[in-house]
Amino acid sequence: MKKFSVIAIMMIMLLSLSSIASAGTSPPIPLAGNVYYKFTAYNPSFNGHGAVQFTLLRVTPNGDIPVTSSYFTVRPLETTTQKLLLASNLPADYYKLQITNSFGTVYVYADQLIQE
């Protein structure tokens, strides 16, 4: 029983450490140039498509300013891994990535921001 408890706690910690998960906003990240978001998305629905919106926000003293926004649609019961271009020639600054479900339920995980 003790072994099961340790494994359960480790799984909870691992799942809670996913950077942005299904919906939320990342902490401020210094970015510049071409910025991509590599992620895996899963739609658990049997009946319909799900969509998720990715919004790149520039962090300023007066609040976050939207820079770009992209939608990604996932078919029913589909799991897909994508590399999505968020912005080109981005000036060096601090940015946040906000992820929201537009419709349906889409889980986003195994994610990373890439700048080139």
N, C-alpha and C. Protein backbone atom coordinates (compact mmCIF):
# COMPACT_ATOMS: atom_id res chain seq x y z
N MET A 1 0.83 -1.20 0.00
CA MET A 1 0.00 0.00 0.00
C MET A 1 0.87 1.26 0.00
N LYS A 2 1.98 1.21 0.73
CA LYS A 2 2.87 2.36 0.80
C LYS A 2 3.47 2.65 -0.57
N LYS A 3 3.82 1.60 -1.32
CA LYS A 3 4.38 1.76 -2.65
C LYS A 3 3.37 2.43 -3.58
N PHE A 4 2.11 2.03 -3.48
CA PHE A 4 1.05 2.64 -4.30
C PHE A 4 0.89 4.12 -3.98
N SER A 5 0.96 4.48 -2.71
CA SER A 5 0.82 5.88 -2.30
C SER A 5 1.95 6.73 -2.88
N VAL A 6 3.16 6.21 -2.84
CA VAL A 6 4.31 6.95 -3.37
C VAL A 6 4.14 7.14 -4.88
N ILE A 7 3.72 6.10 -5.59
CA ILE A 7 3.52 6.20 -7.04
C ILE A 7 2.40 7.18 -7.35
N ALA A 8 1.32 7.13 -6.59
CA ALA A 8 0.21 8.05 -6.81
C ALA A 8 0.64 9.50 -6.60
N ILE A 9 1.40 9.76 -5.55
CA ILE A 9 1.88 11.12 -5.27
C ILE A 9 2.81 11.59 -6.39
N MET A 10 3.69 10.71 -6.86
CA MET A 10 4.60 11.09 -7.94
C MET A 10 3.84 11.40 -9.23
N MET A 11 2.80 10.63 -9.53
CA MET A 11 2.00 10.89 -10.74
C MET A 11 1.29 12.24 -10.63
N ILE A 12 0.76 12.55 -9.47
CA ILE A 12 0.08 13.84 -9.27
C ILE A 12 1.08 14.98 -9.44
N MET A 13 2.28 14.82 -8.88
CA MET A 13 3.29 15.86 -9.02
C MET A 13 3.70 16.03 -10.48
N LEU A 14 3.87 14.93 -11.20
CA LEU A 14 4.27 14.99 -12.60
C LEU A 14 3.20 15.69 -13.43
N LEU A 15 1.95 15.35 -13.22
CA LEU A 15 0.87 15.97 -13.98
C LEU A 15 0.72 17.45 -13.64
N SER A 16 0.98 17.82 -12.40
CA SER A 16 0.84 19.23 -12.01
C SER A 16 2.01 20.07 -12.51
N LEU A 17 3.11 19.45 -12.92
CA LEU A 17 4.26 20.20 -13.40
C LEU A 17 4.23 20.49 -14.90
N SER A 18 3.23 19.98 -15.62
CA SER A 18 3.17 20.29 -17.04
C SER A 18 3.05 21.80 -17.17
N SER A 19 3.81 22.40 -18.08
CA SER A 19 4.01 23.84 -18.06
C SER A 19 2.74 24.66 -18.17
N ILE A 20 1.88 24.36 -19.11
CA ILE A 20 0.67 25.16 -19.25
C ILE A 20 -0.57 24.28 -19.21
N ALA A 21 -0.43 23.02 -19.53
CA ALA A 21 -1.51 22.05 -19.53
C ALA A 21 -2.62 22.45 -20.46
N SER A 22 -3.87 22.11 -20.11
CA SER A 22 -4.99 22.30 -21.02
C SER A 22 -5.47 23.73 -21.11
N ALA A 23 -5.40 24.45 -20.08
CA ALA A 23 -5.83 25.85 -20.11
C ALA A 23 -5.05 26.60 -19.06
N GLY A 24 -4.59 27.77 -19.42
CA GLY A 24 -3.84 28.56 -18.47
C GLY A 24 -2.86 29.47 -19.18
N THR A 25 -2.02 30.11 -18.39
CA THR A 25 -1.04 31.06 -18.92
C THR A 25 0.33 30.73 -18.35
N SER A 26 1.33 30.76 -19.22
CA SER A 26 2.69 30.48 -18.80
C SER A 26 3.25 31.67 -18.01
N PRO A 27 4.33 31.46 -17.28
CA PRO A 27 5.03 32.60 -16.66
C PRO A 27 5.72 33.40 -17.76
N PRO A 28 6.15 34.64 -17.48
CA PRO A 28 6.86 35.43 -18.49
C PRO A 28 8.15 34.72 -18.94
N ILE A 29 8.35 34.72 -20.27
CA ILE A 29 9.49 34.03 -20.87
C ILE A 29 10.18 35.01 -21.83
N PRO A 30 11.52 35.15 -21.77
CA PRO A 30 12.19 36.00 -22.76
C PRO A 30 12.24 35.29 -24.11
N LEU A 31 11.71 35.94 -25.15
CA LEU A 31 11.65 35.37 -26.49
C LEU A 31 12.07 36.40 -27.52
N ALA A 32 12.51 35.92 -28.69
CA ALA A 32 12.85 36.79 -29.82
C ALA A 32 12.89 35.94 -31.07
N GLY A 33 12.74 36.58 -32.24
CA GLY A 33 12.85 35.88 -33.51
C GLY A 33 11.59 35.12 -33.87
N ASN A 34 11.78 33.97 -34.50
CA ASN A 34 10.65 33.11 -34.86
C ASN A 34 10.31 32.21 -33.68
N VAL A 35 9.07 32.25 -33.24
CA VAL A 35 8.66 31.50 -32.05
C VAL A 35 7.63 30.44 -32.45
N TYR A 36 7.94 29.20 -32.08
CA TYR A 36 7.06 28.06 -32.35
C TYR A 36 6.59 27.48 -31.02
N TYR A 37 5.45 26.81 -31.08
CA TYR A 37 4.94 26.09 -29.92
C TYR A 37 4.76 24.64 -30.33
N LYS A 38 5.54 23.74 -29.74
CA LYS A 38 5.44 22.32 -30.02
C LYS A 38 4.62 21.69 -28.90
N PHE A 39 3.59 20.95 -29.27
CA PHE A 39 2.67 20.40 -28.28
C PHE A 39 2.01 19.13 -28.79
N THR A 40 1.43 18.39 -27.85
CA THR A 40 0.58 17.26 -28.17
C THR A 40 -0.81 17.60 -27.66
N ALA A 41 -1.82 17.37 -28.50
CA ALA A 41 -3.20 17.68 -28.13
C ALA A 41 -4.05 16.43 -28.26
N TYR A 42 -5.01 16.28 -27.35
CA TYR A 42 -5.90 15.12 -27.35
C TYR A 42 -7.33 15.59 -27.16
N ASN A 43 -8.24 15.09 -27.99
CA ASN A 43 -9.67 15.37 -27.86
C ASN A 43 -10.36 14.08 -27.39
N PRO A 44 -10.85 14.05 -26.16
CA PRO A 44 -11.45 12.83 -25.62
C PRO A 44 -12.90 12.61 -26.07
N SER A 45 -13.47 13.53 -26.81
CA SER A 45 -14.88 13.44 -27.20
C SER A 45 -15.10 12.41 -28.32
N PHE A 46 -16.22 11.69 -28.23
CA PHE A 46 -16.63 10.76 -29.28
C PHE A 46 -17.40 11.51 -30.37
N ASN A 47 -18.05 12.62 -30.01
CA ASN A 47 -19.05 13.25 -30.86
C ASN A 47 -18.57 14.41 -31.71
N GLY A 48 -17.64 15.17 -31.26
CA GLY A 48 -17.35 16.38 -32.02
C GLY A 48 -15.92 16.86 -31.90
N HIS A 49 -15.62 17.77 -32.79
CA HIS A 49 -14.31 18.41 -32.80
C HIS A 49 -14.15 19.28 -31.56
N GLY A 50 -12.92 19.51 -31.20
CA GLY A 50 -12.59 20.45 -30.14
C GLY A 50 -11.56 21.42 -30.68
N ALA A 51 -11.53 22.60 -30.14
CA ALA A 51 -10.56 23.60 -30.60
C ALA A 51 -9.92 24.27 -29.40
N VAL A 52 -8.67 24.63 -29.59
CA VAL A 52 -7.92 25.32 -28.56
C VAL A 52 -7.32 26.57 -29.19
N GLN A 53 -7.26 27.64 -28.40
CA GLN A 53 -6.70 28.90 -28.87
C GLN A 53 -5.39 29.17 -28.15
N PHE A 54 -4.36 29.54 -28.91
CA PHE A 54 -3.06 29.90 -28.37
C PHE A 54 -2.88 31.40 -28.59
N THR A 55 -2.68 32.16 -27.53
CA THR A 55 -2.49 33.60 -27.62
C THR A 55 -1.14 33.96 -27.02
N LEU A 56 -0.31 34.63 -27.82
CA LEU A 56 0.97 35.11 -27.33
C LEU A 56 0.79 36.53 -26.83
N LEU A 57 1.16 36.77 -25.57
CA LEU A 57 0.97 38.06 -24.92
C LEU A 57 2.33 38.69 -24.61
N ARG A 58 2.48 39.97 -24.92
CA ARG A 58 3.69 40.71 -24.55
C ARG A 58 3.49 41.28 -23.16
N VAL A 59 4.44 41.06 -22.28
CA VAL A 59 4.36 41.53 -20.90
C VAL A 59 4.85 42.98 -20.84
N THR A 60 4.00 43.89 -20.36
CA THR A 60 4.37 45.30 -20.21
C THR A 60 4.00 45.75 -18.79
N PRO A 61 4.53 46.87 -18.33
CA PRO A 61 4.17 47.37 -17.00
C PRO A 61 2.69 47.73 -16.88
N ASN A 62 2.05 48.04 -18.01
CA ASN A 62 0.63 48.41 -18.01
C ASN A 62 -0.30 47.23 -18.25
N GLY A 63 0.25 46.03 -18.29
CA GLY A 63 -0.58 44.85 -18.52
C GLY A 63 -0.12 44.09 -19.76
N ASP A 64 -0.66 42.92 -19.94
CA ASP A 64 -0.29 42.05 -21.06
C ASP A 64 -1.01 42.49 -22.33
N ILE A 65 -0.26 42.54 -23.45
CA ILE A 65 -0.81 42.96 -24.73
C ILE A 65 -0.78 41.77 -25.69
N PRO A 66 -1.94 41.41 -26.29
CA PRO A 66 -1.95 40.31 -27.26
C PRO A 66 -1.10 40.65 -28.49
N VAL A 67 -0.25 39.71 -28.90
CA VAL A 67 0.60 39.89 -30.07
C VAL A 67 0.03 39.10 -31.24
N THR A 68 -0.33 37.86 -30.99
CA THR A 68 -0.87 37.00 -32.03
C THR A 68 -1.74 35.93 -31.39
N SER A 69 -2.63 35.37 -32.20
CA SER A 69 -3.53 34.34 -31.70
C SER A 69 -3.73 33.30 -32.81
N SER A 70 -3.74 32.02 -32.44
CA SER A 70 -3.95 30.93 -33.39
C SER A 70 -4.92 29.92 -32.81
N TYR A 71 -5.75 29.36 -33.67
CA TYR A 71 -6.66 28.30 -33.27
C TYR A 71 -6.17 26.98 -33.84
N PHE A 72 -6.41 25.92 -33.09
CA PHE A 72 -6.06 24.58 -33.56
C PHE A 72 -7.22 23.66 -33.25
N THR A 73 -7.69 22.94 -34.27
CA THR A 73 -8.83 22.04 -34.13
C THR A 73 -8.35 20.59 -34.06
N VAL A 74 -8.99 19.80 -33.19
CA VAL A 74 -8.64 18.40 -33.02
C VAL A 74 -9.90 17.56 -33.23
N ARG A 75 -9.80 16.56 -34.10
CA ARG A 75 -10.94 15.69 -34.40
C ARG A 75 -11.27 14.80 -33.19
N PRO A 76 -12.48 14.24 -33.17
CA PRO A 76 -12.88 13.35 -32.06
C PRO A 76 -11.89 12.20 -31.88
N LEU A 77 -11.53 11.95 -30.64
CA LEU A 77 -10.63 10.87 -30.22
C LEU A 77 -9.25 10.93 -30.87
N GLU A 78 -8.85 12.08 -31.36
CA GLU A 78 -7.55 12.22 -32.01
C GLU A 78 -6.50 12.70 -31.02
N THR A 79 -5.29 12.16 -31.17
CA THR A 79 -4.11 12.66 -30.48
C THR A 79 -3.13 13.07 -31.56
N THR A 80 -2.64 14.29 -31.49
CA THR A 80 -1.75 14.80 -32.53
C THR A 80 -0.64 15.62 -31.91
N THR A 81 0.53 15.56 -32.53
CA THR A 81 1.66 16.38 -32.10
C THR A 81 1.93 17.38 -33.22
N GLN A 82 2.06 18.65 -32.85
CA GLN A 82 2.20 19.73 -33.83
C GLN A 82 3.32 20.68 -33.42
N LYS A 83 3.84 21.38 -34.41
CA LYS A 83 4.77 22.49 -34.19
C LYS A 83 4.13 23.69 -34.89
N LEU A 84 3.59 24.60 -34.11
CA LEU A 84 2.80 25.71 -34.60
C LEU A 84 3.62 27.00 -34.55
N LEU A 85 3.71 27.71 -35.67
CA LEU A 85 4.40 29.00 -35.69
C LEU A 85 3.50 30.03 -35.03
N LEU A 86 3.98 30.62 -33.94
CA LEU A 86 3.21 31.64 -33.23
C LEU A 86 3.51 33.04 -33.75
N ALA A 87 4.79 33.35 -34.02
CA ALA A 87 5.17 34.69 -34.47
C ALA A 87 6.50 34.63 -35.21
N SER A 88 6.65 35.54 -36.17
CA SER A 88 7.91 35.69 -36.92
C SER A 88 8.54 37.03 -36.59
N ASN A 89 9.85 37.07 -36.56
CA ASN A 89 10.60 38.31 -36.31
C ASN A 89 10.12 39.04 -35.06
N LEU A 90 9.91 38.33 -34.02
CA LEU A 90 9.44 38.89 -32.75
C LEU A 90 10.56 39.69 -32.09
N PRO A 91 10.30 40.95 -31.69
CA PRO A 91 11.34 41.71 -31.00
C PRO A 91 11.63 41.11 -29.63
N ALA A 92 12.86 41.20 -29.18
CA ALA A 92 13.25 40.63 -27.89
C ALA A 92 12.49 41.32 -26.76
N ASP A 93 11.83 40.53 -25.96
CA ASP A 93 11.06 41.02 -24.81
C ASP A 93 10.57 39.82 -24.02
N TYR A 94 9.77 40.09 -23.00
CA TYR A 94 9.15 39.01 -22.22
C TYR A 94 7.73 38.79 -22.72
N TYR A 95 7.38 37.51 -22.87
CA TYR A 95 6.08 37.13 -23.40
C TYR A 95 5.48 36.02 -22.54
N LYS A 96 4.16 35.89 -22.64
CA LYS A 96 3.44 34.79 -22.01
C LYS A 96 2.63 34.09 -23.09
N LEU A 97 2.41 32.79 -22.90
CA LEU A 97 1.54 32.04 -23.79
C LEU A 97 0.30 31.66 -23.02
N GLN A 98 -0.85 32.03 -23.56
CA GLN A 98 -2.13 31.72 -22.93
C GLN A 98 -2.85 30.68 -23.79
N ILE A 99 -3.33 29.62 -23.14
CA ILE A 99 -4.06 28.56 -23.84
C ILE A 99 -5.47 28.48 -23.28
N THR A 100 -6.46 28.52 -24.17
CA THR A 100 -7.86 28.39 -23.76
C THR A 100 -8.58 27.44 -24.70
N ASN A 101 -9.51 26.67 -24.15
CA ASN A 101 -10.37 25.84 -24.98
C ASN A 101 -11.42 26.73 -25.63
N SER A 102 -11.50 26.71 -26.97
CA SER A 102 -12.48 27.52 -27.68
C SER A 102 -13.84 26.83 -27.69
N PHE A 103 -13.84 25.56 -28.04
CA PHE A 103 -15.06 24.76 -27.92
C PHE A 103 -14.66 23.31 -27.75
N GLY A 104 -15.55 22.56 -27.10
CA GLY A 104 -15.22 21.18 -26.78
C GLY A 104 -14.13 21.14 -25.71
N THR A 105 -13.56 19.96 -25.55
CA THR A 105 -12.47 19.78 -24.59
C THR A 105 -11.25 19.25 -25.33
N VAL A 106 -10.16 19.96 -25.22
CA VAL A 106 -8.90 19.53 -25.80
C VAL A 106 -7.84 19.63 -24.71
N TYR A 107 -7.12 18.54 -24.51
CA TYR A 107 -6.04 18.53 -23.54
C TYR A 107 -4.73 18.78 -24.27
N VAL A 108 -3.95 19.73 -23.78
CA VAL A 108 -2.66 20.07 -24.37
C VAL A 108 -1.57 19.69 -23.37
N TYR A 109 -0.58 18.93 -23.83
CA TYR A 109 0.49 18.51 -22.93
C TYR A 109 1.77 18.27 -23.75
N ALA A 110 2.84 17.90 -23.07
CA ALA A 110 4.15 17.68 -23.69
C ALA A 110 4.52 18.88 -24.55
N ASP A 111 4.42 20.05 -23.95
CA ASP A 111 4.57 21.29 -24.71
C ASP A 111 5.92 21.95 -24.46
N GLN A 112 6.35 22.78 -25.45
CA GLN A 112 7.55 23.59 -25.29
C GLN A 112 7.53 24.72 -26.30
N LEU A 113 8.02 25.88 -25.86
CA LEU A 113 8.20 27.02 -26.74
C LEU A 113 9.60 26.93 -27.35
N ILE A 114 9.69 27.16 -28.66
CA ILE A 114 10.96 27.07 -29.37
C ILE A 114 11.18 28.39 -30.10
N GLN A 115 12.36 28.96 -29.96
CA GLN A 115 12.70 30.17 -30.73
C GLN A 115 13.86 29.85 -31.65
N GLU A 116 13.77 30.34 -32.87
CA GLU A 116 14.80 30.08 -33.87
C GLU A 116 15.26 31.37 -34.49
